[in-house]
Amino acid sequence: MLVLTRKPGEAIVIGDDIEIEIVAIGGGKVRVGITAPRSTTVHRKEVWVELQASEVAELSQNGAEPAAAPADAADAPSS
C-alpha cells in the first residue's frame, strides 16, 4: 500500500484520468473529491463489499459461478 500525506486542496492522480483531492479535514474525518470518467465506478469499500456479496448470492441462487473477488475484499472496514 502506498501511503501519502496531503493537505486540503492537494491531490493525487491515478493513471491518466483519475484524480483524488483532499477537500477538507476536520472532526476526525477527511472529505475526498474524486474526478474520474463516468465509465469508472466509485464506491466506498464497505458498499463495494456488500455489492459483491449480493452479486455472489444472486449468482449462487441461479447456479452460476461467481467471479473471484480481490484478496483484500474481506478486509473492509466496519465503519
C-alpha atoms as a PDB file:
ATOM      1  CA  MET A   1       0.000   0.000   0.000  1.00  0.00           C
ATOM      2  CA  LEU A   2       1.251   3.457  -0.891  1.00  0.00           C
ATOM      3  CA  VAL A   3       0.616   5.980   1.906  1.00  0.00           C
ATOM      4  CA  LEU A   4       0.747   9.691   1.059  1.00  0.00           C
ATOM      5  CA  THR A   5       0.413  12.839   3.136  1.00  0.00           C
ATOM      6  CA  ARG A   6      -1.774  15.533   1.585  1.00  0.00           C
ATOM      7  CA  LYS A   7      -3.206  18.839   2.790  1.00  0.00           C
ATOM      8  CA  PRO A   8      -6.639  20.236   1.891  1.00  0.00           C
ATOM      9  CA  GLY A   9      -6.611  21.369  -1.731  1.00  0.00           C
ATOM     10  CA  GLU A  10      -3.851  18.923  -2.680  1.00  0.00           C
ATOM     11  CA  ALA A  11      -4.486  15.893  -4.881  1.00  0.00           C
ATOM     12  CA  ILE A  12      -3.077  12.654  -6.195  1.00  0.00           C
ATOM     13  CA  VAL A  13      -3.521  11.263  -9.696  1.00  0.00           C
ATOM     14  CA  ILE A  14      -4.118   7.600 -10.545  1.00  0.00           C
ATOM     15  CA  GLY A  15      -3.384   6.666 -14.130  1.00  0.00           C
ATOM     16  CA  ASP A  16      -4.198   9.307 -16.713  1.00  0.00           C
ATOM     17  CA  ASP A  17      -7.774  10.105 -15.781  1.00  0.00           C
ATOM     18  CA  ILE A  18      -8.484   9.718 -12.049  1.00  0.00           C
ATOM     19  CA  GLU A  19      -7.781  12.495  -9.556  1.00  0.00           C
ATOM     20  CA  ILE A  20      -8.394  12.324  -5.820  1.00  0.00           C
ATOM     21  CA  GLU A  21      -8.380  15.660  -3.992  1.00  0.00           C
ATOM     22  CA  ILE A  22      -8.444  16.272  -0.252  1.00  0.00           C
ATOM     23  CA  VAL A  23     -11.343  18.705   0.125  1.00  0.00           C
ATOM     24  CA  ALA A  24     -11.396  19.127   3.912  1.00  0.00           C
ATOM     25  CA  ILE A  25     -10.075  17.634   7.130  1.00  0.00           C
ATOM     26  CA  GLY A  26     -11.893  18.022  10.425  1.00  0.00           C
ATOM     27  CA  GLY A  27     -13.781  16.262  13.169  1.00  0.00           C
ATOM     28  CA  GLY A  28     -11.784  13.079  12.678  1.00  0.00           C
ATOM     29  CA  LYS A  29     -12.892  12.821   9.051  1.00  0.00           C
ATOM     30  CA  VAL A  30     -11.355  13.506   5.669  1.00  0.00           C
ATOM     31  CA  ARG A  31     -13.547  14.736   2.797  1.00  0.00           C
ATOM     32  CA  VAL A  32     -12.294  13.433  -0.536  1.00  0.00           C
ATOM     33  CA  GLY A  33     -13.281  14.614  -4.003  1.00  0.00           C
ATOM     34  CA  ILE A  34     -12.881  12.176  -6.890  1.00  0.00           C
ATOM     35  CA  THR A  35     -12.730  13.112 -10.555  1.00  0.00           C
ATOM     36  CA  ALA A  36     -12.992  10.088 -12.834  1.00  0.00           C
ATOM     37  CA  PRO A  37     -14.561   9.120 -16.163  1.00  0.00           C
ATOM     38  CA  ARG A  38     -18.272   8.251 -15.941  1.00  0.00           C
ATOM     39  CA  SER A  39     -17.370   4.729 -17.016  1.00  0.00           C
ATOM     40  CA  THR A  40     -15.400   4.264 -13.762  1.00  0.00           C
ATOM     41  CA  THR A  41     -17.498   3.100 -10.829  1.00  0.00           C
ATOM     42  CA  VAL A  42     -16.618   4.607  -7.459  1.00  0.00           C
ATOM     43  CA  HIS A  43     -17.905   3.169  -4.156  1.00  0.00           C
ATOM     44  CA  ARG A  44     -16.904   3.320  -0.527  1.00  0.00           C
ATOM     45  CA  LYS A  45     -15.237  -0.031   0.160  1.00  0.00           C
ATOM     46  CA  GLU A  46     -17.888  -1.226   2.616  1.00  0.00           C
ATOM     47  CA  VAL A  47     -20.571  -0.578  -0.022  1.00  0.00           C
ATOM     48  CA  TRP A  48     -18.498  -2.349  -2.679  1.00  0.00           C
ATOM     49  CA  VAL A  49     -18.089  -5.409  -0.426  1.00  0.00           C
ATOM     50  CA  GLU A  50     -21.869  -5.551   0.126  1.00  0.00           C
ATOM     51  CA  LEU A  51     -22.483  -5.249  -3.621  1.00  0.00           C
ATOM     52  CA  GLN A  52     -20.059  -8.091  -4.272  1.00  0.00           C
ATOM     53  CA  ALA A  53     -21.733 -10.270  -1.628  1.00  0.00           C
ATOM     54  CA  SER A  54     -25.159  -9.571  -3.132  1.00  0.00           C
ATOM     55  CA  GLU A  55     -23.862 -10.460  -6.586  1.00  0.00           C
ATOM     56  CA  VAL A  56     -22.366 -13.728  -5.306  1.00  0.00           C
ATOM     57  CA  ALA A  57     -25.636 -14.632  -3.536  1.00  0.00           C
ATOM     58  CA  GLU A  58     -27.658 -13.862  -6.668  1.00  0.00           C
ATOM     59  CA  LEU A  59     -25.342 -15.908  -8.873  1.00  0.00           C
ATOM     60  CA  SER A  60     -25.390 -18.857  -6.472  1.00  0.00           C
ATOM     61  CA  GLN A  61     -29.199 -18.823  -6.468  1.00  0.00           C
ATOM     62  CA  ASN A  62     -29.085 -19.006 -10.256  1.00  0.00           C
ATOM     63  CA  GLY A  63     -26.487 -21.801 -10.204  1.00  0.00           C
ATOM     64  CA  ALA A  64     -23.738 -19.682 -11.788  1.00  0.00           C
ATOM     65  CA  GLU A  65     -20.128 -19.498 -10.599  1.00  0.00           C
ATOM     66  CA  PRO A  66     -19.236 -16.083  -9.088  1.00  0.00           C
ATOM     67  CA  ALA A  67     -16.107 -14.269 -10.256  1.00  0.00           C
ATOM     68  CA  ALA A  68     -13.244 -14.255  -7.754  1.00  0.00           C
ATOM     69  CA  ALA A  69     -13.079 -11.137  -5.574  1.00  0.00           C
ATOM     70  CA  PRO A  70      -9.766  -9.400  -4.847  1.00  0.00           C
ATOM     71  CA  ALA A  71      -7.868 -10.902  -1.906  1.00  0.00           C
ATOM     72  CA  ASP A  72      -8.452  -7.870   0.336  1.00  0.00           C
ATOM     73  CA  ALA A  73     -12.241  -7.734  -0.159  1.00  0.00           C
ATOM     74  CA  ALA A  74     -12.795  -9.367   3.228  1.00  0.00           C
ATOM     75  CA  ASP A  75     -10.694  -6.661   4.909  1.00  0.00           C
ATOM     76  CA  ALA A  76     -13.305  -3.907   4.508  1.00  0.00           C
ATOM     77  CA  PRO A  77     -13.523  -1.514   7.436  1.00  0.00           C
ATOM     78  CA  SER A  78     -16.566  -1.914   9.654  1.00  0.00           C
ATOM     79  CA  SER A  79     -17.356   1.808   9.785  1.00  0.00           C
END
